[in-house]
Amino acid sequence: MMTGGALKLVKPKIQSADIQAAAGWGVAAAAGAIWVVQPFDWIKKTFIDKPAPEDK
């Protein structure tokens, strides 16, 4: 039986270019999702504006 040898021929090899391409598509998908939603008010309120001082 030659099933072991056939599996070695069919098994894909992952290359660094494949990982880079997947990471690039992930960044592009995240940027596209943020562009579609455009949560600029939430980003400004959360990260840019200083919180109001609390009076006690």
C-alpha atoms as a PDB file:
ATOM      1  CA  MET A   1       0.000   0.000   0.000  1.00  0.00           C
ATOM      2  CA  MET A   2       1.286   3.422  -0.921  1.00  0.00           C
ATOM      3  CA  THR A   3      -1.044   5.596   1.137  1.00  0.00           C
ATOM      4  CA  GLY A   4       1.770   7.003   3.295  1.00  0.00           C
ATOM      5  CA  GLY A   5       3.750   8.132   0.272  1.00  0.00           C
ATOM      6  CA  ALA A   6       0.702   9.628  -1.405  1.00  0.00           C
ATOM      7  CA  LEU A   7      -0.125  11.656   1.702  1.00  0.00           C
ATOM      8  CA  LYS A   8       3.358  13.172   1.697  1.00  0.00           C
ATOM      9  CA  LEU A   9       2.847  14.333  -1.884  1.00  0.00           C
ATOM     10  CA  VAL A  10      -0.560  15.871  -1.161  1.00  0.00           C
ATOM     11  CA  LYS A  11       0.328  17.569   2.147  1.00  0.00           C
ATOM     12  CA  PRO A  12       0.593  21.344   1.570  1.00  0.00           C
ATOM     13  CA  LYS A  13       3.639  23.247   2.746  1.00  0.00           C
ATOM     14  CA  ILE A  14       3.026  26.624   4.370  1.00  0.00           C
ATOM     15  CA  GLN A  15       5.423  29.316   3.194  1.00  0.00           C
ATOM     16  CA  SER A  16       6.173  32.696   4.725  1.00  0.00           C
ATOM     17  CA  ALA A  17       4.645  34.440   1.710  1.00  0.00           C
ATOM     18  CA  ASP A  18       1.323  32.732   2.497  1.00  0.00           C
ATOM     19  CA  ILE A  19       1.436  33.999   6.086  1.00  0.00           C
ATOM     20  CA  GLN A  20       2.290  37.519   4.915  1.00  0.00           C
ATOM     21  CA  ALA A  21      -0.569  37.457   2.417  1.00  0.00           C
ATOM     22  CA  ALA A  22      -3.033  36.270   5.065  1.00  0.00           C
ATOM     23  CA  ALA A  23      -1.879  39.000   7.457  1.00  0.00           C
ATOM     24  CA  GLY A  24      -2.206  41.608   4.729  1.00  0.00           C
ATOM     25  CA  TRP A  25      -5.737  40.519   3.879  1.00  0.00           C
ATOM     26  CA  GLY A  26      -6.597  40.592   7.590  1.00  0.00           C
ATOM     27  CA  VAL A  27      -5.389  44.189   7.888  1.00  0.00           C
ATOM     28  CA  ALA A  28      -7.287  45.128   4.739  1.00  0.00           C
ATOM     29  CA  ALA A  29     -10.478  43.508   6.070  1.00  0.00           C
ATOM     30  CA  ALA A  30     -10.149  45.300   9.428  1.00  0.00           C
ATOM     31  CA  ALA A  31      -9.547  48.654   7.716  1.00  0.00           C
ATOM     32  CA  GLY A  32     -12.535  48.060   5.457  1.00  0.00           C
ATOM     33  CA  ALA A  33     -14.771  47.206   8.397  1.00  0.00           C
ATOM     34  CA  ILE A  34     -13.705  50.343  10.275  1.00  0.00           C
ATOM     35  CA  TRP A  35     -14.263  52.419   7.140  1.00  0.00           C
ATOM     36  CA  VAL A  36     -17.776  51.005   6.721  1.00  0.00           C
ATOM     37  CA  VAL A  37     -18.739  51.555  10.373  1.00  0.00           C
ATOM     38  CA  GLN A  38     -16.781  54.806  10.880  1.00  0.00           C
ATOM     39  CA  PRO A  39     -16.921  55.005  14.702  1.00  0.00           C
ATOM     40  CA  PHE A  40     -15.063  58.345  14.789  1.00  0.00           C
ATOM     41  CA  ASP A  41     -17.182  59.874  17.571  1.00  0.00           C
ATOM     42  CA  TRP A  42     -16.554  56.882  19.856  1.00  0.00           C
ATOM     43  CA  ILE A  43     -12.824  56.880  19.052  1.00  0.00           C
ATOM     44  CA  LYS A  44     -12.593  60.615  19.748  1.00  0.00           C
ATOM     45  CA  LYS A  45     -14.544  60.334  23.007  1.00  0.00           C
ATOM     46  CA  THR A  46     -12.621  57.265  24.182  1.00  0.00           C
ATOM     47  CA  PHE A  47      -9.027  57.963  23.168  1.00  0.00           C
ATOM     48  CA  ILE A  48      -8.585  61.649  22.281  1.00  0.00           C
ATOM     49  CA  ASP A  49     -10.802  63.773  24.558  1.00  0.00           C
ATOM     50  CA  LYS A  50      -9.744  64.149  28.160  1.00  0.00           C
ATOM     51  CA  PRO A  51     -12.352  62.994  30.696  1.00  0.00           C
ATOM     52  CA  ALA A  52     -14.155  65.715  32.614  1.00  0.00           C
ATOM     53  CA  PRO A  53     -12.796  66.179  36.150  1.00  0.00           C
ATOM     54  CA  GLU A  54     -15.079  64.783  38.824  1.00  0.00           C
ATOM     55  CA  ASP A  55     -16.029  67.108  41.682  1.00  0.00           C
ATOM     56  CA  LYS A  56     -16.202  65.622  45.148  1.00  0.00           C
END
